[in-house]
Amino acid sequence: MKDKYTAVWVSHSSIGDYLKCPRAYYLRNVYRDPKTNHKVSLMSPALALGQAVHEVIESLAVLPLEERFAQPLETKFENVWLEVHGHLGGFRDLEEEAKFKLRGKHMIERVAKHPGPLKEKAIRIRQEFPHFWLSDEDNIILCGKIDWLEYEEVTDSVKILDFKTGKFDEDPDSLQMPIYFLLASACQNRTVSGIRYWYIDRDSEPVAVQLPDREAAKERVFEIAKRIALARKLGRFVCKNDKDGCVACRPLEAIVAGKAQLVGINDFRQDVYVL
């Protein structure tokens, strides 16, 4: 029987955690601090940068077309940056913060000068947190948040648009777009006619990538989701480098060991730490 409260929820980020290191997956997605009963999250400068830039851009989707750029994006960015200022963003010092903030400002300036699809119609998935049953029998739900859905009026279809704030291209074998394709197909009624990445750290417009085959995408995601479900059932989450841990789990182990600083609670009711 389907029961979303006992189901295993998987997403692009949680699957990525598991593929990097099962122990890291456990610490991010299962472990709860005994004192607060909250899950834990680790903030870093790169994550703070991405969070601030995404918040500014994605906030435009809820506004009418004529209002999206009524307030300068640079002003919005300055206000949003206060949420990750100083130790809140995991910055070691003012110099490091200034470097990351300048990168963010350049991205926002690029988007303001070349808004492209952001000045066109967009679709919002009605679910606050998009999800669907990947497998009723295995009690697995696939969930995730898509940055932007472009609306193609001529074909009455949508295109997935994902904003990238990092310096490197997404791995062609990444499961991100197969997962987003499945979510967009299941959580709204229009056909998904395209997928684009926008590397806003360097490009003034998005670049298209090939649409995945729906069944092949579902099979790839489901295979890993079943492995995660089995690991949770067995309670077995072992780092491959089990002696000293790995780069994925060691920083999270520092939180459990009390070697990280608590800086707040995020929108998902997770305790946020910095090293």
Protein backbone atom coordinates (compact mmCIF):
# COMPACT_ATOMS: atom_id res chain seq x y z
CA MET A 1 0.00 0.00 0.00
CA LYS A 2 1.23 3.47 -0.88
CA ASP A 3 2.17 5.50 2.18
CA LYS A 4 4.15 8.68 1.61
CA TYR A 5 5.15 8.77 5.29
CA THR A 6 6.95 5.44 5.14
CA ALA A 7 8.08 5.78 1.51
CA VAL A 8 11.70 6.20 0.50
CA TRP A 9 12.01 9.66 -1.06
CA VAL A 10 14.82 10.07 -3.59
CA SER A 11 15.99 13.15 -5.47
CA HIS A 12 18.87 14.21 -7.68
CA SER A 13 20.83 15.43 -4.67
CA SER A 14 20.18 12.38 -2.47
CA ILE A 15 20.99 9.97 -5.30
CA GLY A 16 24.17 11.95 -5.93
CA ASP A 17 25.05 11.64 -2.24
CA TYR A 18 24.61 7.88 -2.34
CA LEU A 19 26.66 7.42 -5.51
CA LYS A 20 29.52 9.45 -3.99
CA CYS A 21 29.44 7.67 -0.64
CA PRO A 22 26.69 5.69 1.15
CA ARG A 23 27.91 7.07 4.49
CA ALA A 24 27.57 10.64 3.19
CA TYR A 25 24.05 9.76 2.04
CA TYR A 26 23.20 8.55 5.53
CA LEU A 27 24.58 11.65 7.24
CA ARG A 28 22.74 14.03 4.89
CA ASN A 29 19.46 12.20 4.42
CA VAL A 30 18.84 9.85 7.37
CA TYR A 31 20.82 10.99 10.43
CA ARG A 32 19.14 13.38 12.86
CA ASP A 33 20.83 15.32 15.62
CA PRO A 34 19.73 13.70 18.91
CA LYS A 35 19.38 17.11 20.58
CA THR A 36 17.20 18.82 17.95
CA ASN A 37 15.83 15.87 15.97
CA HIS A 38 16.76 17.83 12.84
CA LYS A 39 18.68 16.61 9.84
CA VAL A 40 21.99 18.38 9.26
CA SER A 41 23.35 20.39 6.35
CA LEU A 42 26.80 21.78 5.63
CA MET A 43 27.17 25.26 4.15
CA SER A 44 30.15 26.19 1.97
CA PRO A 45 31.12 29.32 -0.03
CA ALA A 46 30.26 27.66 -3.36
CA LEU A 47 26.90 26.54 -2.02
CA ALA A 48 26.21 29.99 -0.58
CA LEU A 49 26.97 31.56 -3.97
CA GLY A 50 24.69 29.17 -5.83
CA GLN A 51 21.91 29.59 -3.28
CA ALA A 52 21.95 33.39 -3.51
CA VAL A 53 22.04 33.55 -7.32
CA HIS A 54 19.31 30.92 -7.70
CA GLU A 55 17.06 32.68 -5.19
CA VAL A 56 17.26 35.95 -7.13
CA ILE A 57 16.59 34.40 -10.54
CA GLU A 58 13.94 31.89 -9.50
CA SER A 59 11.97 34.59 -7.66
CA LEU A 60 11.13 36.08 -11.08
CA ALA A 61 8.99 33.09 -12.10
CA VAL A 62 6.15 34.05 -9.74
CA LEU A 63 5.94 37.63 -11.09
CA PRO A 64 3.91 38.83 -14.09
CA LEU A 65 6.10 39.41 -17.18
CA GLU A 66 5.85 43.21 -16.92
CA GLU A 67 7.01 43.19 -13.26
CA ARG A 68 9.95 40.79 -13.39
CA PHE A 69 12.59 43.43 -13.94
CA ALA A 70 10.83 46.36 -12.27
CA GLN A 71 13.33 46.13 -9.41
CA PRO A 72 17.00 45.87 -10.42
CA LEU A 73 18.31 42.33 -9.99
CA GLU A 74 21.49 43.76 -8.47
CA THR A 75 19.40 45.23 -5.62
CA LYS A 76 17.69 41.89 -5.03
CA PHE A 77 21.08 40.18 -4.97
CA GLU A 78 22.41 42.56 -2.33
CA ASN A 79 19.40 41.82 -0.12
CA VAL A 80 19.62 38.06 -0.63
CA TRP A 81 23.37 38.04 0.04
CA LEU A 82 22.70 39.12 3.63
CA GLU A 83 21.34 35.60 4.21
CA VAL A 84 24.79 34.09 3.50
CA HIS A 85 27.01 36.94 4.69
CA GLY A 86 30.06 36.10 6.81
CA HIS A 87 30.04 32.85 8.75
CA LEU A 88 26.49 32.12 7.51
CA GLY A 89 28.01 31.29 4.13
CA GLY A 90 30.98 29.40 5.47
CA PHE A 91 33.45 32.09 4.41
CA ARG A 92 36.85 32.01 6.10
CA ASP A 93 37.29 35.77 5.94
CA LEU A 94 36.07 38.95 4.25
CA GLU A 95 38.48 38.50 1.35
CA GLU A 96 37.08 35.08 0.45
CA GLU A 97 33.52 36.35 0.76
CA ALA A 98 34.27 39.35 -1.47
CA LYS A 99 35.64 37.07 -4.17
CA PHE A 100 32.54 34.87 -4.21
CA LYS A 101 30.17 37.81 -3.98
CA LEU A 102 31.83 39.47 -6.97
CA ARG A 103 31.31 36.29 -9.00
CA GLY A 104 27.66 36.36 -8.03
CA LYS A 105 27.27 40.02 -8.99
CA HIS A 106 28.78 39.31 -12.41
CA MET A 107 26.28 36.48 -12.95
CA ILE A 108 23.35 38.67 -11.97
CA GLU A 109 24.60 41.47 -14.24
CA ARG A 110 24.86 39.00 -17.14
CA VAL A 111 21.28 37.82 -16.61
CA ALA A 112 20.02 41.41 -16.33
CA LYS A 113 21.67 42.32 -19.64
CA HIS A 114 20.67 39.10 -21.41
CA PRO A 115 17.40 37.94 -19.80
CA GLY A 116 16.41 35.77 -22.77
CA PRO A 117 13.80 33.21 -21.59
CA LEU A 118 13.30 35.05 -18.29
CA LYS A 119 11.29 37.66 -20.19
CA GLU A 120 9.00 35.01 -21.67
CA LYS A 121 6.09 33.04 -20.24
CA ALA A 122 6.90 30.41 -17.64
CA ILE A 123 4.96 27.52 -16.10
CA ARG A 124 4.95 26.69 -12.40
CA ILE A 125 4.25 23.20 -11.12
CA ARG A 126 1.37 23.49 -8.69
CA GLN A 127 2.88 21.15 -6.11
CA GLU A 128 4.92 23.08 -3.57
CA PHE A 129 7.44 20.25 -3.64
CA PRO A 130 7.08 18.32 -6.93
CA HIS A 131 7.03 14.54 -6.50
CA PHE A 132 5.44 11.37 -7.85
CA TRP A 133 5.44 7.65 -7.13
CA LEU A 134 8.41 6.13 -8.93
CA SER A 135 7.26 2.69 -7.73
CA ASP A 136 4.08 1.86 -5.81
CA GLU A 137 5.26 -1.68 -5.17
CA ASP A 138 8.63 -0.62 -3.78
CA ASN A 139 7.20 2.41 -1.95
CA ILE A 140 9.60 4.88 -3.61
CA ILE A 141 8.83 8.52 -4.40
CA LEU A 142 10.92 10.68 -6.75
CA CYS A 143 11.02 14.36 -5.82
CA GLY A 144 12.86 17.52 -6.75
CA LYS A 145 12.66 21.20 -7.58
CA ILE A 146 13.10 22.36 -11.18
CA ASP A 147 14.64 25.83 -11.56
CA TRP A 148 12.45 27.06 -14.43
CA LEU A 149 9.90 25.77 -16.94
CA GLU A 150 9.77 27.77 -20.16
CA TYR A 151 6.38 27.83 -21.89
CA GLU A 152 6.32 27.24 -25.66
CA GLU A 153 3.05 28.81 -26.77
CA VAL A 154 3.15 27.53 -30.37
CA THR A 155 3.37 23.87 -29.31
CA ASP A 156 1.73 24.27 -25.88
CA SER A 157 4.73 22.51 -24.37
CA VAL A 158 7.41 23.23 -21.77
CA LYS A 159 11.19 23.31 -21.75
CA ILE A 160 13.24 22.60 -18.63
CA LEU A 161 15.77 25.32 -17.84
CA ASP A 162 18.45 24.73 -15.21
CA PHE A 163 20.74 27.51 -13.97
CA LYS A 164 24.38 26.58 -13.36
CA THR A 165 26.58 28.75 -11.15
CA GLY A 166 29.63 26.47 -11.08
CA LYS A 167 32.64 26.68 -13.37
CA PHE A 168 32.34 23.23 -14.90
CA ASP A 169 29.88 21.65 -17.34
CA GLU A 170 27.40 19.10 -16.04
CA ASP A 171 28.57 15.52 -16.55
CA PRO A 172 26.79 14.07 -19.64
CA ASP A 173 26.06 10.94 -17.58
CA SER A 174 24.51 12.95 -14.75
CA LEU A 175 21.06 11.86 -13.62
CA GLN A 176 19.91 15.43 -13.05
CA MET A 177 18.12 15.95 -16.34
CA PRO A 178 16.65 12.43 -16.54
CA ILE A 179 15.21 13.07 -13.06
CA TYR A 180 13.92 16.55 -13.95
CA PHE A 181 12.47 15.18 -17.19
CA LEU A 182 10.56 12.51 -15.26
CA LEU A 183 9.35 15.06 -12.70
CA ALA A 184 8.22 17.60 -15.30
CA SER A 185 6.45 14.87 -17.28
CA ALA A 186 4.63 13.51 -14.23
CA CYS A 187 3.83 16.70 -12.31
CA GLN A 188 2.24 18.84 -15.03
CA ASN A 189 0.13 18.14 -18.12
CA ARG A 190 2.18 19.58 -20.97
CA THR A 191 4.73 17.70 -23.08
CA VAL A 192 8.38 18.36 -22.27
CA SER A 193 9.82 19.51 -25.60
CA GLY A 194 13.31 20.58 -24.58
CA ILE A 195 15.98 20.81 -21.91
CA ARG A 196 18.55 23.58 -21.51
CA TYR A 197 21.40 24.43 -19.16
CA TRP A 198 22.35 28.03 -18.55
CA TYR A 199 25.96 28.37 -17.36
CA ILE A 200 25.48 31.91 -16.13
CA ASP A 201 29.05 32.21 -14.88
CA ARG A 202 30.17 32.45 -18.52
CA ASP A 203 27.30 32.26 -21.05
CA SER A 204 24.75 34.89 -22.05
CA GLU A 205 22.19 32.33 -23.16
CA PRO A 206 21.22 28.73 -22.40
CA VAL A 207 22.52 25.69 -24.29
CA ALA A 208 20.28 22.82 -25.31
CA VAL A 209 20.92 19.19 -24.38
CA GLN A 210 19.32 16.06 -25.76
CA LEU A 211 16.01 14.92 -24.34
CA PRO A 212 16.35 11.58 -22.54
CA ASP A 213 14.27 8.53 -23.41
CA ARG A 214 11.55 8.40 -20.77
CA GLU A 215 11.62 4.66 -20.12
CA ALA A 216 15.41 4.50 -20.12
CA ALA A 217 15.54 7.44 -17.71
CA LYS A 218 13.04 5.82 -15.37
CA GLU A 219 14.96 2.54 -15.45
CA ARG A 220 18.28 4.24 -14.59
CA VAL A 221 16.80 6.21 -11.70
CA PHE A 222 14.77 3.28 -10.38
CA GLU A 223 17.79 0.96 -10.32
CA ILE A 224 19.69 3.32 -7.99
CA ALA A 225 16.57 4.14 -5.96
CA LYS A 226 16.11 0.41 -5.22
CA ARG A 227 19.71 0.21 -3.99
CA ILE A 228 19.06 3.14 -1.66
CA ALA A 229 15.82 1.58 -0.41
CA LEU A 230 17.64 -1.68 0.34
CA ALA A 231 20.44 0.16 2.17
CA ARG A 232 17.87 1.93 4.33
CA LYS A 233 16.09 -1.35 5.05
CA LEU A 234 19.36 -3.00 6.10
CA GLY A 235 20.69 0.11 7.82
CA ARG A 236 23.96 -0.35 5.94
CA PHE A 237 25.75 2.83 4.84
CA VAL A 238 29.47 2.18 4.62
CA CYS A 239 32.07 4.47 3.07
CA LYS A 240 34.24 2.62 0.55
CA ASN A 241 37.23 4.14 2.29
CA ASP A 242 35.94 3.01 5.66
CA LYS A 243 39.16 3.61 7.62
CA ASP A 244 39.49 7.38 7.25
CA GLY A 245 36.34 8.27 5.34
CA CYS A 246 36.31 10.14 2.04
CA VAL A 247 35.96 13.74 0.84
CA ALA A 248 32.17 13.32 0.73
CA CYS A 249 31.60 12.02 4.26
CA ARG A 250 34.50 13.47 6.29
CA PRO A 251 33.05 17.02 6.52
CA LEU A 252 29.71 15.59 7.66
CA GLU A 253 31.44 13.38 10.22
CA ALA A 254 32.87 16.62 11.67
CA ILE A 255 29.31 17.77 12.38
CA VAL A 256 28.48 14.55 14.23
CA ALA A 257 31.75 14.82 16.18
CA GLY A 258 30.87 18.34 17.33
CA LYS A 259 33.67 19.97 15.31
CA ALA A 260 31.44 22.24 13.21
CA GLN A 261 29.69 25.50 14.04
CA LEU A 262 25.88 25.71 13.99
CA VAL A 263 24.82 28.89 12.14
CA GLY A 264 21.08 28.46 11.68
CA ILE A 265 18.13 26.43 10.43
CA ASN A 266 17.19 26.39 6.74
CA ASP A 267 13.78 26.26 5.03
CA PHE A 268 13.79 22.45 5.24
CA ARG A 269 14.16 22.52 9.04
CA GLN A 270 17.74 21.29 8.80
CA ASP A 271 20.44 22.48 11.18
CA VAL A 272 23.02 24.33 9.07
CA TYR A 273 26.69 24.05 9.99
CA VAL A 274 29.98 25.47 8.74
CA LEU A 275 33.47 24.13 9.29
